[in-house]
Amino acid sequence: MDDLSEPTNLRFLRRMVTVLTGVMIAGVVVVIGLLVTRLTRDTSVLPELIELPDGASPVAFTQAADWYAVVTDQNQILIFDRMTGALRQTVAVE
């Protein structure tokens, strides 16, 4: 029986492909793990109580770093300060 050894370059290439496959699998697992942990985190901290003018009902809500806004059924946008909860501005929508 002939004892054929594989060439050095082929052995190196086989090991390189095996290592790169392992690195790629680990990278995909890390990316999926980061996506799952980042997307399931609840970053929206809503205020406990928002006081609207009499007769106004909320239709929509949005927020930014230092303010949040409530759109009412009376065609108004009420912008509140996030830290104090005080009404900053009222915008009439026509």
PDB file of N, CA and C in Angstrom:
ATOM      1  N   MET A   1       0.842  -1.168   0.000  1.00  0.00           N
ATOM      2  CA  MET A   1       0.000   0.000   0.000  1.00  0.00           C
ATOM      3  C   MET A   1       0.887   1.231   0.000  1.00  0.00           C
ATOM      4  N   ASP A   2       0.563   2.157  -0.856  1.00  0.00           N
ATOM      5  CA  ASP A   2       1.341   3.387  -0.938  1.00  0.00           C
ATOM      6  C   ASP A   2       0.950   4.325   0.189  1.00  0.00           C
ATOM      7  N   ASP A   3       1.946   4.919   0.806  1.00  0.00           N
ATOM      8  CA  ASP A   3       1.700   5.884   1.870  1.00  0.00           C
ATOM      9  C   ASP A   3       1.802   7.278   1.265  1.00  0.00           C
ATOM     10  N   LEU A   4       0.671   7.779   0.818  1.00  0.00           N
ATOM     11  CA  LEU A   4       0.649   9.104   0.205  1.00  0.00           C
ATOM     12  C   LEU A   4       0.341  10.141   1.280  1.00  0.00           C
ATOM     13  N   SER A   5       1.266  11.022   1.514  1.00  0.00           N
ATOM     14  CA  SER A   5       1.010  12.098   2.474  1.00  0.00           C
ATOM     15  C   SER A   5       0.480  13.302   1.710  1.00  0.00           C
ATOM     16  N   GLU A   6      -0.382  14.061   2.405  1.00  0.00           N
ATOM     17  CA  GLU A   6      -0.934  15.220   1.709  1.00  0.00           C
ATOM     18  C   GLU A   6       0.101  16.336   1.683  1.00  0.00           C
ATOM     19  N   PRO A   7       0.086  17.105   0.625  1.00  0.00           N
ATOM     20  CA  PRO A   7       1.062  18.196   0.498  1.00  0.00           C
ATOM     21  C   PRO A   7       0.897  19.230   1.614  1.00  0.00           C
ATOM     22  N   THR A   8       1.987  19.882   1.937  1.00  0.00           N
ATOM     23  CA  THR A   8       1.986  20.870   3.018  1.00  0.00           C
ATOM     24  C   THR A   8       1.003  21.999   2.744  1.00  0.00           C
ATOM     25  N   ASN A   9       0.956  22.475   1.516  1.00  0.00           N
ATOM     26  CA  ASN A   9       0.041  23.570   1.180  1.00  0.00           C
ATOM     27  C   ASN A   9      -1.412  23.141   1.345  1.00  0.00           C
ATOM     28  N   LEU A  10      -1.732  21.908   0.995  1.00  0.00           N
ATOM     29  CA  LEU A  10      -3.101  21.425   1.130  1.00  0.00           C
ATOM     30  C   LEU A  10      -3.488  21.254   2.597  1.00  0.00           C
ATOM     31  N   ARG A  11      -2.563  20.802   3.416  1.00  0.00           N
ATOM     32  CA  ARG A  11      -2.815  20.668   4.854  1.00  0.00           C
ATOM     33  C   ARG A  11      -3.062  22.047   5.478  1.00  0.00           C
ATOM     34  N   PHE A  12      -2.238  23.026   5.089  1.00  0.00           N
ATOM     35  CA  PHE A  12      -2.408  24.394   5.591  1.00  0.00           C
ATOM     36  C   PHE A  12      -3.766  24.958   5.170  1.00  0.00           C
ATOM     37  N   LEU A  13      -4.152  24.728   3.910  1.00  0.00           N
ATOM     38  CA  LEU A  13      -5.422  25.232   3.399  1.00  0.00           C
ATOM     39  C   LEU A  13      -6.598  24.587   4.129  1.00  0.00           C
ATOM     40  N   ARG A  14      -6.517  23.283   4.389  1.00  0.00           N
ATOM     41  CA  ARG A  14      -7.585  22.588   5.107  1.00  0.00           C
ATOM     42  C   ARG A  14      -7.736  23.139   6.517  1.00  0.00           C
ATOM     43  N   ARG A  15      -6.651  23.365   7.211  1.00  0.00           N
ATOM     44  CA  ARG A  15      -6.709  23.920   8.567  1.00  0.00           C
ATOM     45  C   ARG A  15      -7.234  25.358   8.568  1.00  0.00           C
ATOM     46  N   MET A  16      -6.818  26.131   7.570  1.00  0.00           N
ATOM     47  CA  MET A  16      -7.269  27.525   7.462  1.00  0.00           C
ATOM     48  C   MET A  16      -8.784  27.572   7.234  1.00  0.00           C
ATOM     49  N   VAL A  17      -9.314  26.721   6.378  1.00  0.00           N
ATOM     50  CA  VAL A  17     -10.754  26.683   6.124  1.00  0.00           C
ATOM     51  C   VAL A  17     -11.501  26.269   7.391  1.00  0.00           C
ATOM     52  N   THR A  18     -10.963  25.322   8.132  1.00  0.00           N
ATOM     53  CA  THR A  18     -11.603  24.883   9.376  1.00  0.00           C
ATOM     54  C   THR A  18     -11.629  26.013  10.397  1.00  0.00           C
ATOM     55  N   VAL A  19     -10.532  26.718  10.560  1.00  0.00           N
ATOM     56  CA  VAL A  19     -10.464  27.836  11.509  1.00  0.00           C
ATOM     57  C   VAL A  19     -11.407  28.954  11.086  1.00  0.00           C
ATOM     58  N   LEU A  20     -11.410  29.298   9.814  1.00  0.00           N
ATOM     59  CA  LEU A  20     -12.277  30.374   9.346  1.00  0.00           C
ATOM     60  C   LEU A  20     -13.756  30.003   9.477  1.00  0.00           C
ATOM     61  N   THR A  21     -14.090  28.744   9.292  1.00  0.00           N
ATOM     62  CA  THR A  21     -15.467  28.305   9.502  1.00  0.00           C
ATOM     63  C   THR A  21     -15.869  28.478  10.964  1.00  0.00           C
ATOM     64  N   GLY A  22     -15.000  28.107  11.857  1.00  0.00           N
ATOM     65  CA  GLY A  22     -15.282  28.287  13.285  1.00  0.00           C
ATOM     66  C   GLY A  22     -15.439  29.743  13.663  1.00  0.00           C
ATOM     67  N   VAL A  23     -14.576  30.599  13.126  1.00  0.00           N
ATOM     68  CA  VAL A  23     -14.666  32.034  13.408  1.00  0.00           C
ATOM     69  C   VAL A  23     -15.964  32.605  12.860  1.00  0.00           C
ATOM     70  N   MET A  24     -16.365  32.177  11.665  1.00  0.00           N
ATOM     71  CA  MET A  24     -17.598  32.673  11.068  1.00  0.00           C
ATOM     72  C   MET A  24     -18.812  32.215  11.879  1.00  0.00           C
ATOM     73  N   ILE A  25     -18.826  30.994  12.343  1.00  0.00           N
ATOM     74  CA  ILE A  25     -19.933  30.510  13.165  1.00  0.00           C
ATOM     75  C   ILE A  25     -19.995  31.299  14.477  1.00  0.00           C
ATOM     76  N   ALA A  26     -18.856  31.524  15.094  1.00  0.00           N
ATOM     77  CA  ALA A  26     -18.825  32.310  16.335  1.00  0.00           C
ATOM     78  C   ALA A  26     -19.306  33.737  16.088  1.00  0.00           C
ATOM     79  N   GLY A  27     -18.925  34.333  14.968  1.00  0.00           N
ATOM     80  CA  GLY A  27     -19.369  35.690  14.641  1.00  0.00           C
ATOM     81  C   GLY A  27     -20.867  35.779  14.450  1.00  0.00           C
ATOM     82  N   VAL A  28     -21.450  34.801  13.780  1.00  0.00           N
ATOM     83  CA  VAL A  28     -22.891  34.796  13.572  1.00  0.00           C
ATOM     84  C   VAL A  28     -23.617  34.641  14.912  1.00  0.00           C
ATOM     85  N   VAL A  29     -23.101  33.794  15.785  1.00  0.00           N
ATOM     86  CA  VAL A  29     -23.711  33.613  17.104  1.00  0.00           C
ATOM     87  C   VAL A  29     -23.639  34.912  17.911  1.00  0.00           C
ATOM     88  N   VAL A  30     -22.512  35.613  17.849  1.00  0.00           N
ATOM     89  CA  VAL A  30     -22.367  36.887  18.574  1.00  0.00           C
ATOM     90  C   VAL A  30     -23.333  37.929  18.023  1.00  0.00           C
ATOM     91  N   VAL A  31     -23.441  38.048  16.699  1.00  0.00           N
ATOM     92  CA  VAL A  31     -24.345  39.030  16.101  1.00  0.00           C
ATOM     93  C   VAL A  31     -25.791  38.732  16.476  1.00  0.00           C
ATOM     94  N   ILE A  32     -26.200  37.490  16.415  1.00  0.00           N
ATOM     95  CA  ILE A  32     -27.567  37.129  16.796  1.00  0.00           C
ATOM     96  C   ILE A  32     -27.798  37.420  18.275  1.00  0.00           C
ATOM     97  N   GLY A  33     -26.821  37.108  19.119  1.00  0.00           N
ATOM     98  CA  GLY A  33     -26.948  37.399  20.542  1.00  0.00           C
ATOM     99  C   GLY A  33     -27.087  38.884  20.817  1.00  0.00           C
ATOM    100  N   LEU A  34     -26.296  39.700  20.140  1.00  0.00           N
ATOM    101  CA  LEU A  34     -26.402  41.152  20.320  1.00  0.00           C
ATOM    102  C   LEU A  34     -27.745  41.680  19.838  1.00  0.00           C
ATOM    103  N   LEU A  35     -28.215  41.191  18.705  1.00  0.00           N
ATOM    104  CA  LEU A  35     -29.516  41.631  18.210  1.00  0.00           C
ATOM    105  C   LEU A  35     -30.626  41.269  19.190  1.00  0.00           C
ATOM    106  N   VAL A  36     -30.590  40.081  19.718  1.00  0.00           N
ATOM    107  CA  VAL A  36     -31.632  39.658  20.655  1.00  0.00           C
ATOM    108  C   VAL A  36     -31.588  40.504  21.924  1.00  0.00           C
ATOM    109  N   THR A  37     -30.405  40.748  22.469  1.00  0.00           N
ATOM    110  CA  THR A  37     -30.333  41.513  23.715  1.00  0.00           C
ATOM    111  C   THR A  37     -30.656  42.984  23.494  1.00  0.00           C
ATOM    112  N   ARG A  38     -30.272  43.547  22.360  1.00  0.00           N
ATOM    113  CA  ARG A  38     -30.543  44.972  22.115  1.00  0.00           C
ATOM    114  C   ARG A  38     -31.991  45.228  21.746  1.00  0.00           C
ATOM    115  N   LEU A  39     -32.581  44.346  20.966  1.00  0.00           N
ATOM    116  CA  LEU A  39     -33.944  44.592  20.505  1.00  0.00           C
ATOM    117  C   LEU A  39     -34.999  44.248  21.547  1.00  0.00           C
ATOM    118  N   THR A  40     -34.678  43.410  22.502  1.00  0.00           N
ATOM    119  CA  THR A  40     -35.667  43.066  23.523  1.00  0.00           C
ATOM    120  C   THR A  40     -35.593  43.982  24.735  1.00  0.00           C
ATOM    121  N   ARG A  41     -34.601  44.848  24.786  1.00  0.00           N
ATOM    122  CA  ARG A  41     -34.476  45.769  25.917  1.00  0.00           C
ATOM    123  C   ARG A  41     -35.514  46.876  25.796  1.00  0.00           C
ATOM    124  N   ASP A  42     -36.220  47.155  26.868  1.00  0.00           N
ATOM    125  CA  ASP A  42     -37.231  48.211  26.874  1.00  0.00           C
ATOM    126  C   ASP A  42     -36.566  49.521  27.272  1.00  0.00           C
ATOM    127  N   THR A  43     -36.389  50.408  26.295  1.00  0.00           N
ATOM    128  CA  THR A  43     -35.717  51.676  26.559  1.00  0.00           C
ATOM    129  C   THR A  43     -36.699  52.827  26.739  1.00  0.00           C
ATOM    130  N   SER A  44     -37.965  52.574  26.508  1.00  0.00           N
ATOM    131  CA  SER A  44     -38.928  53.663  26.629  1.00  0.00           C
ATOM    132  C   SER A  44     -39.435  53.747  28.059  1.00  0.00           C
ATOM    133  N   VAL A  45     -39.100  54.835  28.698  1.00  0.00           N
ATOM    134  CA  VAL A  45     -39.568  55.080  30.063  1.00  0.00           C
ATOM    135  C   VAL A  45     -40.690  56.101  29.957  1.00  0.00           C
ATOM    136  N   LEU A  46     -41.888  55.629  30.191  1.00  0.00           N
ATOM    137  CA  LEU A  46     -43.045  56.506  30.078  1.00  0.00           C
ATOM    138  C   LEU A  46     -43.302  57.196  31.412  1.00  0.00           C
ATOM    139  N   PRO A  47     -43.817  58.410  31.368  1.00  0.00           N
ATOM    140  CA  PRO A  47     -44.147  59.104  32.618  1.00  0.00           C
ATOM    141  C   PRO A  47     -45.299  58.400  33.320  1.00  0.00           C
ATOM    142  N   GLU A  48     -45.318  58.522  34.638  1.00  0.00           N
ATOM    143  CA  GLU A  48     -46.370  57.896  35.439  1.00  0.00           C
ATOM    144  C   GLU A  48     -47.750  58.489  35.140  1.00  0.00           C
ATOM    145  N   LEU A  49     -47.800  59.809  35.026  1.00  0.00           N
ATOM    146  CA  LEU A  49     -49.073  60.497  34.851  1.00  0.00           C
ATOM    147  C   LEU A  49     -48.863  61.683  33.928  1.00  0.00           C
ATOM    148  N   ILE A  50     -49.731  61.834  32.950  1.00  0.00           N
ATOM    149  CA  ILE A  50     -49.706  62.992  32.056  1.00  0.00           C
ATOM    150  C   ILE A  50     -51.040  63.704  32.211  1.00  0.00           C
ATOM    151  N   GLU A  51     -50.980  64.951  32.613  1.00  0.00           N
ATOM    152  CA  GLU A  51     -52.201  65.723  32.797  1.00  0.00           C
ATOM    153  C   GLU A  51     -52.490  66.505  31.522  1.00  0.00           C
ATOM    154  N   LEU A  52     -53.622  66.183  30.908  1.00  0.00           N
ATOM    155  CA  LEU A  52     -54.046  66.851  29.678  1.00  0.00           C
ATOM    156  C   LEU A  52     -55.103  67.890  30.020  1.00  0.00           C
ATOM    157  N   PRO A  53     -55.299  68.888  29.138  1.00  0.00           N
ATOM    158  CA  PRO A  53     -56.367  69.869  29.362  1.00  0.00           C
ATOM    159  C   PRO A  53     -57.729  69.179  29.422  1.00  0.00           C
ATOM    160  N   ASP A  54     -58.686  69.834  30.052  1.00  0.00           N
ATOM    161  CA  ASP A  54     -60.028  69.260  30.207  1.00  0.00           C
ATOM    162  C   ASP A  54     -60.628  68.928  28.848  1.00  0.00           C
ATOM    163  N   GLY A  55     -61.181  67.750  28.735  1.00  0.00           N
ATOM    164  CA  GLY A  55     -61.855  67.330  27.509  1.00  0.00           C
ATOM    165  C   GLY A  55     -60.941  66.776  26.445  1.00  0.00           C
ATOM    166  N   ALA A  56     -59.639  66.802  26.645  1.00  0.00           N
ATOM    167  CA  ALA A  56     -58.702  66.310  25.634  1.00  0.00           C
ATOM    168  C   ALA A  56     -58.412  64.831  25.870  1.00  0.00           C
ATOM    169  N   SER A  57     -58.396  64.094  24.784  1.00  0.00           N
ATOM    170  CA  SER A  57     -58.048  62.681  24.851  1.00  0.00           C
ATOM    171  C   SER A  57     -56.802  62.448  24.003  1.00  0.00           C
ATOM    172  N   PRO A  58     -55.895  61.616  24.472  1.00  0.00           N
ATOM    173  CA  PRO A  58     -54.678  61.372  23.698  1.00  0.00           C
ATOM    174  C   PRO A  58     -54.964  60.520  22.465  1.00  0.00           C
ATOM    175  N   VAL A  59     -54.277  60.865  21.375  1.00  0.00           N
ATOM    176  CA  VAL A  59     -54.392  60.116  20.129  1.00  0.00           C
ATOM    177  C   VAL A  59     -53.057  59.448  19.794  1.00  0.00           C
ATOM    178  N   ALA A  60     -51.954  60.166  20.063  1.00  0.00           N
ATOM    179  CA  ALA A  60     -50.623  59.628  19.754  1.00  0.00           C
ATOM    180  C   ALA A  60     -49.629  60.146  20.787  1.00  0.00           C
ATOM    181  N   PHE A  61     -48.508  59.433  20.881  1.00  0.00           N
ATOM    182  CA  PHE A  61     -47.461  59.780  21.846  1.00  0.00           C
ATOM    183  C   PHE A  61     -46.121  59.579  21.167  1.00  0.00           C
ATOM    184  N   THR A  62     -45.204  60.502  21.405  1.00  0.00           N
ATOM    185  CA  THR A  62     -43.833  60.345  20.918  1.00  0.00           C
ATOM    186  C   THR A  62     -42.892  60.956  21.948  1.00  0.00           C
ATOM    187  N   GLN A  63     -41.615  60.581  21.867  1.00  0.00           N
ATOM    188  CA  GLN A  63     -40.677  61.079  22.871  1.00  0.00           C
ATOM    189  C   GLN A  63     -39.292  61.278  22.277  1.00  0.00           C
ATOM    190  N   ALA A  64     -38.535  62.132  22.943  1.00  0.00           N
ATOM    191  CA  ALA A  64     -37.140  62.390  22.594  1.00  0.00           C
ATOM    192  C   ALA A  64     -36.332  62.311  23.880  1.00  0.00           C
ATOM    193  N   ALA A  65     -35.096  62.750  23.837  1.00  0.00           N
ATOM    194  CA  ALA A  65     -34.209  62.624  24.994  1.00  0.00           C
ATOM    195  C   ALA A  65     -34.683  63.459  26.183  1.00  0.00           C
ATOM    196  N   ASP A  66     -35.146  64.684  25.937  1.00  0.00           N
ATOM    197  CA  ASP A  66     -35.509  65.553  27.058  1.00  0.00           C
ATOM    198  C   ASP A  66     -36.955  66.041  27.015  1.00  0.00           C
ATOM    199  N   TRP A  67     -37.782  65.508  26.121  1.00  0.00           N
ATOM    200  CA  TRP A  67     -39.186  65.895  26.069  1.00  0.00           C
ATOM    201  C   TRP A  67     -40.026  64.739  25.538  1.00  0.00           C
ATOM    202  N   TYR A  68     -41.326  64.839  25.748  1.00  0.00           N
ATOM    203  CA  TYR A  68     -42.268  63.915  25.130  1.00  0.00           C
ATOM    204  C   TYR A  68     -43.472  64.728  24.684  1.00  0.00           C
ATOM    205  N   ALA A  69     -44.186  64.223  23.701  1.00  0.00           N
ATOM    206  CA  ALA A  69     -45.310  64.957  23.127  1.00  0.00           C
ATOM    207  C   ALA A  69     -46.531  64.051  23.057  1.00  0.00           C
ATOM    208  N   VAL A  70     -47.682  64.678  23.253  1.00  0.00           N
ATOM    209  CA  VAL A  70     -48.965  63.987  23.156  1.00  0.00           C
ATOM    210  C   VAL A  70     -49.806  64.731  22.123  1.00  0.00           C
ATOM    211  N   VAL A  71     -50.306  64.000  21.154  1.00  0.00           N
ATOM    212  CA  VAL A  71     -51.238  64.569  20.185  1.00  0.00           C
ATOM    213  C   VAL A  71     -52.632  64.278  20.703  1.00  0.00           C
ATOM    214  N   THR A  72     -53.463  65.322  20.757  1.00  0.00           N
ATOM    215  CA  THR A  72     -54.812  65.162  21.313  1.00  0.00           C
ATOM    216  C   THR A  72     -55.845  65.133  20.199  1.00  0.00           C
ATOM    217  N   ASP A  73     -57.071  64.743  20.572  1.00  0.00           N
ATOM    218  CA  ASP A  73     -58.163  64.726  19.600  1.00  0.00           C
ATOM    219  C   ASP A  73     -58.684  66.129  19.300  1.00  0.00           C
ATOM    220  N   GLN A  74     -58.159  67.131  19.963  1.00  0.00           N
ATOM    221  CA  GLN A  74     -58.541  68.529  19.724  1.00  0.00           C
ATOM    222  C   GLN A  74     -57.564  69.213  18.765  1.00  0.00           C
ATOM    223  N   ASN A  75     -56.814  68.428  17.991  1.00  0.00           N
ATOM    224  CA  ASN A  75     -55.838  68.927  17.014  1.00  0.00           C
ATOM    225  C   ASN A  75     -54.770  69.802  17.663  1.00  0.00           C
ATOM    226  N   GLN A  76     -54.241  69.338  18.771  1.00  0.00           N
ATOM    227  CA  GLN A  76     -53.148  70.019  19.465  1.00  0.00           C
ATOM    228  C   GLN A  76     -52.032  69.028  19.721  1.00  0.00           C
ATOM    229  N   ILE A  77     -50.816  69.542  19.704  1.00  0.00           N
ATOM    230  CA  ILE A  77     -49.658  68.762  20.122  1.00  0.00           C
ATOM    231  C   ILE A  77     -49.143  69.409  21.402  1.00  0.00           C
ATOM    232  N   LEU A  78     -49.148  68.651  22.477  1.00  0.00           N
ATOM    233  CA  LEU A  78     -48.694  69.154  23.774  1.00  0.00           C
ATOM    234  C   LEU A  78     -47.305  68.588  24.031  1.00  0.00           C
ATOM    235  N   ILE A  79     -46.328  69.469  24.197  1.00  0.00           N
ATOM    236  CA  ILE A  79     -44.940  69.058  24.419  1.00  0.00           C
ATOM    237  C   ILE A  79     -44.597  69.297  25.882  1.00  0.00           C
ATOM    238  N   PHE A  80     -44.176  68.224  26.554  1.00  0.00           N
ATOM    239  CA  PHE A  80     -43.877  68.266  27.984  1.00  0.00           C
ATOM    240  C   PHE A  80     -42.386  68.066  28.217  1.00  0.00           C
ATOM    241  N   ASP A  81     -41.877  68.669  29.291  1.00  0.00           N
ATOM    242  CA  ASP A  81     -40.498  68.454  29.712  1.00  0.00           C
ATOM    243  C   ASP A  81     -40.397  67.079  30.377  1.00  0.00           C
ATOM    244  N   ARG A  82     -39.409  66.295  30.002  1.00  0.00           N
ATOM    245  CA  ARG A  82     -39.286  64.943  30.541  1.00  0.00           C
ATOM    246  C   ARG A  82     -38.925  64.944  32.032  1.00  0.00           C
ATOM    247  N   MET A  83     -38.077  65.848  32.464  1.00  0.00           N
ATOM    248  CA  MET A  83     -37.616  65.850  33.855  1.00  0.00           C
ATOM    249  C   MET A  83     -38.691  66.345  34.816  1.00  0.00           C
ATOM    250  N   THR A  84     -39.370  67.428  34.466  1.00  0.00           N
ATOM    251  CA  THR A  84     -40.333  68.026  35.390  1.00  0.00           C
ATOM    252  C   THR A  84     -41.778  67.633  35.098  1.00  0.00           C
ATOM    253  N   GLY A  85     -42.058  67.237  33.877  1.00  0.00           N
ATOM    254  CA  GLY A  85     -43.432  66.931  33.491  1.00  0.00           C
ATOM    255  C   GLY A  85     -44.256  68.159  33.168  1.00  0.00           C
ATOM    256  N   ALA A  86     -43.603  69.335  33.181  1.00  0.00           N
ATOM    257  CA  ALA A  86     -44.317  70.585  32.915  1.00  0.00           C
ATOM    258  C   ALA A  86     -44.551  70.753  31.416  1.00  0.00           C
ATOM    259  N   LEU A  87     -45.657  71.393  31.085  1.00  0.00           N
ATOM    260  CA  LEU A  87     -45.994  71.665  29.697  1.00  0.00           C
ATOM    261  C   LEU A  87     -45.051  72.732  29.154  1.00  0.00           C
ATOM    262  N   ARG A  88     -44.299  72.393  28.111  1.00  0.00           N
ATOM    263  CA  ARG A  88     -43.361  73.339  27.495  1.00  0.00           C
ATOM    264  C   ARG A  88     -44.025  74.183  26.424  1.00  0.00           C
ATOM    265  N   GLN A  89     -44.788  73.509  25.573  1.00  0.00           N
ATOM    266  CA  GLN A  89     -45.312  74.189  24.388  1.00  0.00           C
ATOM    267  C   GLN A  89     -46.574  73.492  23.923  1.00  0.00           C
ATOM    268  N   THR A  90     -47.485  74.310  23.367  1.00  0.00           N
ATOM    269  CA  THR A  90     -48.687  73.777  22.746  1.00  0.00           C
ATOM    270  C   THR A  90     -48.688  74.207  21.287  1.00  0.00           C
ATOM    271  N   VAL A  91     -48.850  73.246  20.398  1.00  0.00           N
ATOM    272  CA  VAL A  91     -48.863  73.539  18.964  1.00  0.00           C
ATOM    273  C   VAL A  91     -50.227  73.182  18.426  1.00  0.00           C
ATOM    274  N   ALA A  92     -50.885  74.157  17.779  1.00  0.00           N
ATOM    275  CA  ALA A  92     -52.192  73.909  17.178  1.00  0.00           C
ATOM    276  C   ALA A  92     -51.987  73.376  15.756  1.00  0.00           C
ATOM    277  N   VAL A  93     -52.658  72.292  15.456  1.00  0.00           N
ATOM    278  CA  VAL A  93     -52.581  71.694  14.120  1.00  0.00           C
ATOM    279  C   VAL A  93     -53.803  72.102  13.342  1.00  0.00           C
ATOM    280  N   GLU A  94     -53.580  72.674  12.175  1.00  0.00           N
ATOM    281  CA  GLU A  94     -54.723  73.145  11.362  1.00  0.00           C
ATOM    282  C   GLU A  94     -54.915  72.267  10.166  1.00  0.00           C
TER     283      GLU A  94
END
